[in-house]
Protein backbone atom coordinates (compact mmCIF):
# COMPACT_ATOMS: atom_id res chain seq x y z
CA UNK A 1 -33.94 26.04 -10.43
CA UNK A 2 -32.34 28.29 -12.98
CA UNK A 3 -28.79 28.00 -14.26
CA UNK A 4 -27.85 31.28 -12.53
CA UNK A 5 -28.75 29.75 -9.16
CA UNK A 6 -26.51 26.81 -9.94
CA UNK A 7 -23.63 29.10 -10.83
CA UNK A 8 -24.16 31.01 -7.60
CA UNK A 9 -23.91 27.75 -5.68
CA UNK A 10 -20.69 26.88 -7.44
CA UNK A 11 -19.20 30.24 -6.48
CA UNK A 12 -20.44 29.83 -2.92
CA UNK A 13 -18.68 26.49 -2.56
CA UNK A 14 -15.46 27.55 -4.24
CA UNK A 15 -13.95 28.49 -0.88
CA UNK A 16 -14.80 25.04 0.47
CA UNK A 17 -13.11 23.40 -2.48
CA UNK A 18 -10.05 25.57 -2.09
CA UNK A 19 -9.90 24.61 1.57
CA UNK A 20 -10.05 20.92 0.72
CA UNK A 21 -7.25 21.36 -1.77
CA UNK A 22 -5.08 23.10 0.79
CA UNK A 23 -5.68 20.61 3.58
CA UNK A 24 -4.92 17.84 1.11
CA UNK A 25 -1.30 18.91 1.20
CA UNK A 26 -0.81 19.18 -2.51
CA UNK A 27 2.85 19.03 -3.40
CA UNK A 28 4.82 18.94 -6.62
CA UNK A 29 8.29 17.74 -7.27
CA UNK A 30 10.56 16.43 -9.96
CA UNK A 31 12.22 13.17 -9.02
CA UNK A 32 15.29 12.14 -10.95
CA UNK A 33 15.70 8.44 -11.59
CA UNK A 34 18.76 6.92 -9.98
CA UNK A 35 20.23 3.75 -11.37
CA UNK A 36 21.61 1.57 -8.62
CA UNK A 37 19.36 -1.36 -7.47
CA UNK A 38 19.80 -4.85 -6.03
CA UNK A 39 18.87 -8.21 -7.54
CA UNK A 40 15.60 -9.54 -6.27
CA UNK A 41 15.33 -12.58 -8.48
CA UNK A 42 16.92 -15.97 -8.81
CA UNK A 43 19.11 -16.47 -11.86
CA UNK A 44 16.73 -19.22 -12.94
CA UNK A 45 13.40 -17.55 -13.81
CA UNK A 46 11.46 -20.67 -12.85
CA UNK A 47 12.78 -20.29 -9.30
CA UNK A 48 11.12 -16.90 -8.88
CA UNK A 49 7.56 -16.40 -7.63
CA UNK A 50 5.59 -13.15 -7.61
CA UNK A 51 2.29 -12.29 -5.91
CA UNK A 52 0.71 -8.94 -6.83
CA UNK A 53 -2.28 -7.72 -4.81
CA UNK A 54 -4.55 -4.69 -5.27
CA UNK A 55 -6.57 -4.66 -2.06
CA UNK A 56 -9.33 -2.24 -3.10
CA UNK A 57 -12.24 -1.77 -5.46
CA UNK A 58 -14.37 1.17 -6.70
CA UNK A 59 -13.40 3.98 -9.05
CA UNK A 60 -11.98 6.18 -6.29
CA UNK A 61 -9.25 3.59 -5.61
CA UNK A 62 -8.16 3.47 -9.27
CA UNK A 63 -4.51 3.98 -8.29
CA UNK A 64 -4.08 0.63 -6.58
CA UNK A 65 -5.09 -1.47 -9.56
CA UNK A 66 -2.98 0.75 -11.82
CA UNK A 67 -0.02 0.03 -9.54
CA UNK A 68 -0.50 -3.72 -9.85
CA UNK A 69 -1.03 -3.70 -13.60
CA UNK A 70 2.17 -1.74 -14.18
CA UNK A 71 4.04 -4.05 -11.81
CA UNK A 72 2.77 -7.07 -13.72
CA UNK A 73 4.28 -5.80 -16.96
CA UNK A 74 7.60 -5.16 -15.22
CA UNK A 75 8.00 -8.66 -13.82
CA UNK A 76 6.86 -10.21 -17.10
CA UNK A 77 9.37 -8.10 -19.01
CA UNK A 78 11.96 -9.34 -16.53
CA UNK A 79 11.28 -12.92 -17.67
CA UNK A 80 9.35 -14.13 -14.66
CA UNK A 81 7.24 -17.02 -16.05
CA UNK A 82 3.54 -16.17 -16.28
CA UNK A 83 2.72 -19.35 -14.37
CA UNK A 84 4.80 -18.07 -11.45
CA UNK A 85 2.96 -14.74 -11.21
CA UNK A 86 -0.26 -14.61 -9.18
CA UNK A 87 -2.33 -11.46 -9.64
CA UNK A 88 -5.19 -10.46 -7.35
CA UNK A 89 -7.25 -7.44 -8.46
CA UNK A 90 -10.96 -6.61 -8.37
CA UNK A 91 -10.91 -5.55 -12.05
CA UNK A 92 -13.66 -2.93 -11.87
CA UNK A 93 -11.63 0.02 -13.19
CA UNK A 94 -10.84 -0.56 -16.87
CA UNK A 95 -14.49 -0.89 -17.89
CA UNK A 96 -15.95 1.27 -15.15
CA UNK A 97 -18.78 3.57 -16.34
CA UNK A 98 -16.77 6.53 -15.00
CA UNK A 99 -13.72 5.65 -17.09
CA UNK A 100 -13.47 7.98 -20.12
CA UNK A 101 -10.97 5.56 -21.68
CA UNK A 102 -12.90 2.30 -21.84
CA UNK A 103 -10.80 -0.81 -21.43
CA UNK A 104 -7.67 1.11 -20.47
CA UNK A 105 -5.89 1.97 -17.23
CA UNK A 106 -3.14 4.56 -16.93
CA UNK A 107 -0.42 4.97 -14.31
CA UNK A 108 0.61 8.57 -15.01
CA UNK A 109 -0.18 11.54 -17.24
CA UNK A 110 1.52 9.91 -20.25
CA UNK A 111 -1.61 7.74 -20.61
CA UNK A 112 0.21 4.54 -21.52
CA UNK A 113 -2.22 1.65 -21.06
CA UNK A 114 -1.04 -0.76 -18.34
CA UNK A 115 -4.18 -2.92 -18.36
CA UNK A 116 -3.74 -4.65 -21.71
CA UNK A 117 -2.02 -8.01 -21.42
CA UNK A 118 -2.42 -8.38 -17.66
CA UNK A 119 -3.55 -11.83 -16.51
CA UNK A 120 -5.74 -11.54 -13.41
CA UNK A 121 -6.01 -14.79 -11.47
CA UNK A 122 -8.38 -13.67 -8.71
CA UNK A 123 -10.93 -10.93 -9.38
CA UNK A 124 -14.21 -9.58 -8.05
CA UNK A 125 -15.50 -11.39 -4.98
CA UNK A 126 -12.30 -13.44 -4.78
CA UNK A 127 -10.34 -10.39 -3.61
CA UNK A 128 -10.61 -11.30 0.05
CA UNK A 129 -8.11 -11.72 2.88
CA UNK A 130 -8.80 -15.43 3.29
CA UNK A 131 -8.20 -16.00 -0.43
CA UNK A 132 -4.90 -14.13 -0.13
CA UNK A 133 -4.01 -16.34 2.84
CA UNK A 134 -4.88 -19.51 0.91
CA UNK A 135 -2.81 -18.37 -2.07
CA UNK A 136 0.17 -17.55 0.12
CA UNK A 137 0.05 -20.88 1.96
CA UNK A 138 -0.41 -22.97 -1.20
CA UNK A 139 -3.88 -24.20 -0.29
CA UNK A 140 -4.63 -27.54 -1.97
CA UNK A 141 -8.36 -26.81 -2.30
CA UNK A 142 -7.70 -23.82 -4.55
CA UNK A 143 -5.17 -25.80 -6.52
CA UNK A 144 -7.69 -28.59 -7.13
CA UNK A 145 -10.07 -25.97 -8.52
CA UNK A 146 -7.43 -25.06 -11.08
CA UNK A 147 -6.46 -21.86 -9.29
CA UNK A 148 -2.91 -20.61 -8.89
CA UNK A 149 -1.28 -20.82 -5.47
CA UNK A 150 2.24 -20.26 -4.24
CA UNK A 151 4.20 -23.46 -5.00
CA UNK A 152 7.65 -22.23 -4.08
CA UNK A 153 10.31 -24.30 -2.36
CA UNK A 154 13.47 -23.79 -0.27
CA UNK A 155 15.54 -22.70 -3.29
CA UNK A 156 13.02 -20.17 -4.62
CA UNK A 157 12.91 -16.40 -4.17
CA UNK A 158 9.49 -14.88 -3.51
CA UNK A 159 8.40 -11.29 -4.19
CA UNK A 160 5.09 -10.07 -2.72
CA UNK A 161 3.56 -6.70 -3.45
CA UNK A 162 0.42 -5.33 -1.79
CA UNK A 163 -1.13 -1.95 -2.56
CA UNK A 164 -4.33 -0.73 -0.95
CA UNK A 165 -5.77 0.89 2.16
CA UNK A 166 -4.48 0.39 5.67
CA UNK A 167 -4.70 1.60 9.23
CA UNK A 168 -2.93 0.69 12.45
CA UNK A 169 -2.08 -3.04 12.34
CA UNK A 170 -4.43 -3.74 9.42
CA UNK A 171 -4.46 -3.79 5.64
CA UNK A 172 -7.83 -3.94 3.97
CA UNK A 173 -9.63 -5.76 1.17
CA UNK A 174 -12.99 -4.92 -0.44
CA UNK A 175 -14.55 -7.38 2.00
CA UNK A 176 -12.63 -7.76 5.23
CA UNK A 177 -9.10 -7.06 6.34
CA UNK A 178 -5.83 -8.75 7.26
CA UNK A 179 -4.30 -8.08 10.67
CA UNK A 180 -0.63 -7.78 11.54
CA UNK A 181 -0.98 -10.95 13.60
CA UNK A 182 -2.47 -12.84 10.65
CA UNK A 183 0.29 -11.67 8.34
CA UNK A 184 2.81 -12.74 10.95
CA UNK A 185 1.24 -16.21 10.99
CA UNK A 186 1.42 -16.46 7.19
CA UNK A 187 5.10 -15.55 7.10
CA UNK A 188 5.87 -17.89 9.98
CA UNK A 189 4.10 -20.70 8.09
CA UNK A 190 6.20 -20.05 4.97
CA UNK A 191 9.36 -20.06 7.07
CA UNK A 192 8.55 -23.30 8.88
CA UNK A 193 7.52 -25.04 5.66
CA UNK A 194 10.70 -23.86 3.89
CA UNK A 195 8.71 -22.16 1.15
CA UNK A 196 11.42 -19.70 0.16
CA UNK A 197 15.12 -19.02 -0.03
CA UNK A 198 14.61 -15.27 0.36
CA UNK A 199 11.32 -13.38 0.58
CA UNK A 200 10.79 -9.69 -0.24
CA UNK A 201 7.54 -7.90 0.61
CA UNK A 202 6.73 -4.40 -0.67
CA UNK A 203 3.69 -3.01 1.15
CA UNK A 204 1.98 0.21 0.05
CA UNK A 205 -0.74 1.36 2.46
CA UNK A 206 -1.36 3.95 5.13
CA UNK A 207 0.24 2.94 8.45
CA UNK A 208 1.81 -0.04 6.67
CA UNK A 209 4.82 0.00 8.99
CA UNK A 210 2.54 -1.18 11.79
CA UNK A 211 2.00 -4.48 9.96
CA UNK A 212 5.56 -5.60 10.63
CA UNK A 213 6.92 -3.38 13.39
CA UNK A 214 8.39 -5.56 16.17
CA UNK A 215 7.13 -8.70 14.45
CA UNK A 216 9.69 -9.84 11.86
CA UNK A 217 13.12 -11.05 13.05
CA UNK A 218 16.30 -10.30 11.10
CA UNK A 219 17.36 -13.89 10.54
CA UNK A 220 14.57 -15.58 8.61
CA UNK A 221 15.40 -14.40 5.09
CA UNK A 222 12.58 -11.84 4.92
CA UNK A 223 13.01 -8.25 3.73
CA UNK A 224 10.08 -5.84 3.95
CA UNK A 225 9.64 -2.24 2.89
CA UNK A 226 6.56 -0.10 3.46
CA UNK A 227 5.17 3.12 2.05
CA UNK A 228 4.68 4.62 5.50
CA UNK A 229 5.70 4.05 9.07
CA UNK A 230 3.32 2.89 11.78
CA UNK A 231 2.01 6.39 12.50
CA UNK A 232 1.34 8.02 9.14
CA UNK A 233 -0.64 7.89 5.94
CA UNK A 234 0.69 7.44 2.43
CA UNK A 235 -0.04 9.53 -0.65
CA UNK A 236 -1.46 9.27 -4.14
CA UNK A 237 0.13 11.00 -7.12
CA UNK A 238 -0.95 12.20 -10.57
CA UNK A 239 -4.22 13.37 -9.04
CA UNK A 240 -5.25 16.17 -11.41
CA UNK A 241 -5.52 14.46 -14.77
CA UNK A 242 -7.63 16.58 -17.11
CA UNK A 243 -9.93 13.69 -18.05
CA UNK A 244 -9.71 11.24 -15.14
CA UNK A 245 -10.96 12.60 -11.81
CA UNK A 246 -8.99 10.29 -9.50
CA UNK A 247 -5.34 9.69 -8.61
CA UNK A 248 -3.55 7.44 -11.10
CA UNK A 249 -0.81 6.06 -8.84
CA UNK A 250 0.61 6.07 -5.34
CA UNK A 251 3.86 7.78 -4.51
CA UNK A 252 5.77 4.79 -3.14
CA UNK A 253 4.70 2.36 -5.81
CA UNK A 254 5.30 4.67 -8.73
CA UNK A 255 8.82 5.32 -7.44
CA UNK A 256 9.91 1.70 -7.14
CA UNK A 257 8.28 0.65 -10.40
CA UNK A 258 9.99 3.33 -12.46
CA UNK A 259 13.28 2.75 -10.69
CA UNK A 260 13.13 -0.92 -11.65
CA UNK A 261 12.08 -0.02 -15.17
CA UNK A 262 15.12 2.16 -15.78
CA UNK A 263 17.82 0.47 -13.70
CA UNK A 264 20.14 -2.43 -14.37
CA UNK A 265 18.72 -4.83 -11.81
CA UNK A 266 21.71 -7.13 -12.04
CA UNK A 267 23.68 -4.37 -10.34
CA UNK A 268 20.96 -2.54 -8.43
CA UNK A 269 20.60 -3.71 -4.84
CA UNK A 270 17.55 -3.50 -2.63
CA UNK A 271 19.46 -1.14 -0.38
CA UNK A 272 20.32 1.13 -3.30
CA UNK A 273 16.72 1.25 -4.41
CA UNK A 274 15.61 1.98 -0.87
CA UNK A 275 18.08 4.87 -0.60
CA UNK A 276 16.97 6.27 -3.95
CA UNK A 277 13.30 6.17 -3.02
CA UNK A 278 14.12 7.64 0.37
CA UNK A 279 15.91 10.52 -1.32
CA UNK A 280 12.85 11.27 -3.41
CA UNK A 281 10.57 11.21 -0.38
CA UNK A 282 10.67 14.85 0.64
CA UNK A 283 7.62 15.31 2.89
CA UNK A 284 7.97 12.34 5.22
CA UNK A 285 10.61 10.22 6.90
CA UNK A 286 11.80 7.07 5.16
CA UNK A 287 12.81 4.41 7.69
CA UNK A 288 14.51 1.05 7.84
CA UNK A 289 15.06 -1.34 10.72
CA UNK A 290 16.81 -4.59 11.57
CA UNK A 291 20.23 -6.12 11.95
CA UNK A 292 22.75 -5.44 9.23
CA UNK A 293 24.14 -8.97 9.39
CA UNK A 294 22.09 -12.15 9.17
CA UNK A 295 22.29 -14.40 12.23
CA UNK A 296 21.56 -18.07 12.68
CA UNK A 297 18.68 -19.12 14.87
CA UNK A 298 16.80 -22.33 15.54
CA UNK A 299 13.30 -22.59 14.17
CA UNK A 300 11.94 -23.08 17.67
CA UNK A 301 13.31 -19.72 18.70
CA UNK A 302 11.60 -17.84 15.90
CA UNK A 303 8.79 -15.51 16.77
CA UNK A 304 8.35 -12.88 14.12
CA UNK A 305 8.96 -9.37 15.34
CA UNK A 306 10.03 -6.02 13.97
CA UNK A 307 12.47 -4.15 11.77
CA UNK A 308 11.52 -1.50 9.25
CA UNK A 309 10.49 -1.40 5.61
CA UNK A 310 10.07 0.78 2.59
CA UNK A 311 7.71 2.93 0.64
CA UNK A 312 5.72 3.44 -2.53
CA UNK A 313 8.39 4.77 -4.89
CA UNK A 314 9.79 1.28 -5.29
CA UNK A 315 7.16 0.29 -7.80
CA UNK A 316 8.13 2.70 -10.52
CA UNK A 317 11.78 2.10 -9.71
CA UNK A 318 11.28 -1.52 -10.67
CA UNK A 319 10.02 -0.77 -14.16
CA UNK A 320 12.78 1.72 -14.96
CA UNK A 321 15.83 -0.20 -13.74
CA UNK A 322 18.06 -3.04 -14.88
CA UNK A 323 17.12 -5.58 -12.22
CA UNK A 324 20.30 -7.58 -12.73
CA UNK A 325 22.35 -4.72 -11.30
CA UNK A 326 19.80 -3.18 -8.97
CA UNK A 327 19.90 -4.39 -5.35
CA UNK A 328 17.02 -4.43 -2.89
CA UNK A 329 18.76 -1.75 -0.84
CA UNK A 330 19.24 0.46 -3.91
CA UNK A 331 15.57 0.11 -4.75
CA UNK A 332 14.58 0.88 -1.17
CA UNK A 333 16.68 4.05 -1.15
CA UNK A 334 15.22 5.08 -4.51
CA UNK A 335 11.66 4.54 -3.34
CA UNK A 336 12.39 6.33 -0.08
CA UNK A 337 13.79 9.34 -1.92
CA UNK A 338 10.81 9.60 -4.24
CA UNK A 339 8.17 9.11 -1.59
CA UNK A 340 7.92 12.62 -0.25
CA UNK A 341 4.85 12.69 1.97
CA UNK A 342 5.34 9.70 4.25
CA UNK A 343 8.11 7.59 5.74
CA UNK A 344 9.31 4.65 3.67
CA UNK A 345 10.24 1.81 6.00
CA UNK A 346 11.98 -1.52 5.68
CA UNK A 347 11.94 -4.47 8.04
CA UNK A 348 13.33 -7.96 8.37
CA UNK A 349 16.73 -9.17 7.28
CA UNK A 350 18.77 -6.08 6.46
CA UNK A 351 21.64 -8.12 5.05
CA UNK A 352 19.33 -8.86 2.12
CA UNK A 353 19.67 -5.23 1.09
CA UNK A 354 22.83 -6.16 -0.83
CA UNK A 355 20.94 -8.62 -3.02
CA UNK A 356 20.26 -7.61 -6.63
CA UNK A 357 16.66 -6.63 -7.34
CA UNK A 358 16.64 -9.10 -10.23
CA UNK A 359 16.52 -12.00 -7.77
CA UNK A 360 12.94 -11.03 -6.95
CA UNK A 361 11.60 -8.91 -9.81
CA UNK A 362 13.31 -10.76 -12.67
CA UNK A 363 16.12 -9.93 -15.04
CA UNK A 364 16.36 -8.84 -18.63
CA UNK A 365 18.67 -6.84 -20.87
CA UNK A 366 17.23 -3.68 -22.35
CA UNK A 367 18.95 -1.19 -24.59
CA UNK A 368 16.94 1.56 -22.94
CA UNK A 369 19.23 1.40 -19.92
CA UNK A 370 22.05 2.86 -22.01
CA UNK A 371 20.56 6.35 -21.81
CA UNK A 372 19.01 6.20 -18.36
CA UNK A 373 20.99 9.15 -17.03
CA UNK A 374 19.11 11.42 -19.41
CA UNK A 375 15.73 10.20 -18.20
CA UNK A 376 13.69 12.03 -15.61
CA UNK A 377 10.47 10.98 -13.96
CA UNK A 378 8.19 13.74 -12.78
CA UNK A 379 6.01 12.80 -9.84
CA UNK A 380 3.40 15.50 -9.32
CA UNK A 381 0.05 16.31 -7.73
CA UNK A 382 0.25 14.39 -4.46
CA UNK A 383 -2.82 13.87 -2.29
CA UNK A 384 -3.21 12.43 1.20
CA UNK A 385 -4.91 9.02 0.97
CA UNK A 386 -7.67 9.74 3.48
CA UNK A 387 -8.68 12.90 1.58
CA UNK A 388 -8.61 11.56 -1.97
CA UNK A 389 -12.31 10.77 -2.08
CA UNK A 390 -13.14 14.36 -1.07
CA UNK A 391 -10.77 15.68 -3.69
CA UNK A 392 -12.37 13.56 -6.43
CA UNK A 393 -15.90 14.59 -5.47
CA UNK A 394 -14.81 18.23 -5.38
CA UNK A 395 -13.44 17.96 -8.91
CA UNK A 396 -16.76 16.58 -10.10
CA UNK A 397 -18.57 19.42 -8.36
CA UNK A 398 -16.44 22.07 -10.00
CA UNK A 399 -16.56 20.36 -13.38
CA UNK A 400 -20.32 19.77 -13.45
CA UNK A 401 -21.74 20.69 -16.85
CA UNK A 402 -25.41 20.46 -15.89
CA UNK A 403 -27.55 21.35 -12.93
CA UNK A 404 -28.25 17.66 -12.31
CA UNK A 405 -24.55 16.76 -12.23
CA UNK A 406 -23.83 19.65 -9.91
CA UNK A 407 -26.59 18.71 -7.46
CA UNK A 408 -25.49 15.06 -7.41
CA UNK A 409 -21.86 16.00 -6.75
CA UNK A 410 -22.84 18.42 -4.01
CA UNK A 411 -24.98 15.80 -2.26
CA UNK A 412 -22.10 13.32 -2.41
CA UNK A 413 -19.67 15.83 -0.96
CA UNK A 414 -22.10 16.82 1.79
CA UNK A 415 -22.66 13.17 2.77
CA UNK A 416 -18.94 12.40 2.79
CA UNK A 417 -18.11 15.40 4.99
CA UNK A 418 -21.04 14.74 7.31
CA UNK A 419 -20.13 11.06 7.74
CA UNK A 420 -16.51 11.89 8.45
CA UNK A 421 -17.60 14.44 11.05
CA UNK A 422 -19.93 11.95 12.77
CA UNK A 423 -17.30 9.21 12.90
CA UNK A 424 -14.69 11.66 14.18
CA UNK A 425 -17.00 12.73 17.00
CA UNK A 426 -17.84 9.11 17.80
CA UNK A 427 -14.19 8.12 18.21
CA UNK A 428 -13.52 11.23 20.30
CA UNK A 429 -16.47 10.38 22.56
CA UNK A 430 -15.21 6.83 23.05
CA UNK A 431 -11.75 8.05 24.02
CA UNK A 432 -13.22 10.66 26.35
CA UNK A 433 -15.48 8.10 28.04
CA UNK A 434 -12.58 5.69 28.59
CA UNK A 435 -10.40 8.35 30.15
CA UNK A 436 -13.18 9.61 32.43
CA UNK A 437 -14.35 6.24 33.76
CA UNK A 438 -11.17 4.14 33.70
CA UNK A 439 -7.47 4.26 34.44
CA UNK A 440 -4.59 2.50 32.66
CA UNK A 441 -3.74 -0.80 34.33
CA UNK A 442 -0.17 -1.03 33.02
CA UNK A 443 2.36 1.41 31.61
CA UNK A 444 2.72 -0.43 28.32
CA UNK A 445 1.43 -3.72 26.95
CA UNK A 446 3.72 -6.11 25.09
CA UNK A 447 3.49 -5.65 21.32
CA UNK A 448 1.48 -8.82 20.77
CA UNK A 449 -0.99 -7.91 23.53
CA UNK A 450 -1.44 -4.49 21.93
CA UNK A 451 -2.38 -6.17 18.66
CA UNK A 452 -4.92 -8.41 20.38
CA UNK A 453 -6.35 -5.46 22.33
CA UNK A 454 -6.83 -3.35 19.23
CA UNK A 455 -8.36 -6.23 17.29
CA UNK A 456 -10.97 -6.75 20.01
CA UNK A 457 -11.79 -3.03 20.12
CA UNK A 458 -11.86 -2.71 16.34
CA UNK A 459 -14.17 -5.71 15.91
CA UNK A 460 -16.63 -4.16 18.35
CA UNK A 461 -16.35 -0.79 16.59
CA UNK A 462 -17.30 -2.44 13.30
CA UNK A 463 -20.20 -4.28 14.90
CA UNK A 464 -21.68 -1.45 16.96
CA UNK A 465 -20.48 1.79 15.34
CA UNK A 466 -19.28 1.91 11.72
CA UNK A 467 -17.65 -0.36 9.14
CA UNK A 468 -14.36 0.91 7.78
CA UNK A 469 -15.36 0.29 4.15
CA UNK A 470 -17.95 3.05 4.53
CA UNK A 471 -15.57 5.55 6.13
CA UNK A 472 -12.49 6.41 4.01
CA UNK A 473 -11.11 8.63 6.76
CA UNK A 474 -11.21 5.97 9.47
CA UNK A 475 -7.51 5.14 9.08
CA UNK A 476 -6.56 8.44 10.67
CA UNK A 477 -9.10 8.07 13.46
CA UNK A 478 -8.11 4.49 14.28
CA UNK A 479 -4.86 5.77 15.74
CA UNK A 480 -6.79 7.15 18.72
CA UNK A 481 -8.28 3.74 19.51
CA UNK A 482 -4.90 2.06 19.17
CA UNK A 483 -3.40 4.61 21.55
CA UNK A 484 -5.81 3.46 24.27
CA UNK A 485 -4.33 -0.03 24.01
CA UNK A 486 -0.81 1.37 23.96
CA UNK A 487 -1.56 3.46 27.05
CA UNK A 488 -2.47 0.33 29.02
CA UNK A 489 -6.25 0.64 29.26
CA UNK A 490 -7.94 -2.74 29.64
CA UNK A 491 -9.70 -3.91 26.52
CA UNK A 492 -12.89 -4.62 28.50
CA UNK A 493 -12.97 -1.02 29.71
CA UNK A 494 -12.59 0.38 26.21
CA UNK A 495 -15.30 -1.90 24.87
CA UNK A 496 -17.69 -0.83 27.64
CA UNK A 497 -17.17 2.80 26.70
CA UNK A 498 -17.61 1.95 23.03
CA UNK A 499 -20.94 0.28 23.76
CA UNK A 500 -22.11 3.28 25.76
CA UNK A 501 -21.28 5.68 22.94
CA UNK A 502 -22.56 3.60 20.02
CA UNK A 503 -25.66 2.10 21.64
């Protein structure tokens, strides 16, 4: 085939690429850094524990590992002891063949390397949900192997950060997934075993609000914020780098990291950070739930249920703030403001919003805070998470320098679009079959029963239809299956329809 034919193809597909760009909801904004956060960390660094998790692999999910690497540098700069930081990341980005900057990972267009100096405790095949569970619960088997596990006690503050993919009631790992029920069990275990004084969880994933909605009570010392509510996706940012063809960060995480980086975290509260992030979130609703005042309750009465959480912007907020002045609420507001395309949520004990961010992310004195008011952080080029893979492939198609590169990119784009179309039709057929052959048995299932219903349906979908790791757009489609459970259809009826469609 001659070069002219190739050029003709590129022109022919330009409309398709433009369409993808438009449907990807590209947005640009300039987010000013606000400097009021809450202390997240104990005044004694040794009494602080941090767990950082990037729940993805492959080049297309570059942004999640970049989030974690930047977060690592923030908590280390805030004097959290290295032995108290547990980092879980696949580590296939820095030296990926597609990386034009070998051995480096960037978090924005400034191209400052965030990979150098990061200590990764669990990488590659160890990035699994059961490993995360063992780390969180202080598993003795891992400890005997010389691995790090959470060894916190009743006087310690714990900060957990997860960034990756998610869908209704699930967050994912390269191999497997963690359900809302499983996360609930982990947190309940930590509470019963008195493994923390206060626990803060920042969760950055599509539909991340569904992981804690109606599950975490307000009186167990847990404060959660999410990058999205239970019904929406989250967004990537810095997605049109001239040399790197993937998104470099996520909106929620970049916001809280930079807020922490440029705020006095001794003064900044969690509530202040939440409000700041909320203010910067212009294209979605930032939410928070729970009682404003902590209440006493007996351990026997505890069954984790909901209140809301926060969103991605918190991550950058953390790296740009003085954590001794910054409270959890300040960081939540900051992340919420800067996360513009989805709703930042917070759940759990709302009274913890007045705590300084430093009690969880560490504390240090930096001269750079003196001129913070003059600093601005530009968050640009947002992309919807479920469409990022199409956007990246499209960029490769348009930037192909040879006929071979162009043909390969076109085949990849065609396969991705075709697969998404097939899966979309499959889910629609399942829903249609259920509604034709069955009727809802109840008006609404209890929250826990909904979780169990969806898990049963989802497991069968993975076995008989498609695995979610192969379908980046499944998160959006999973909502339709969850809605069958919410509508009161019996799980057996839904599974029968699923078998008919996927057999």
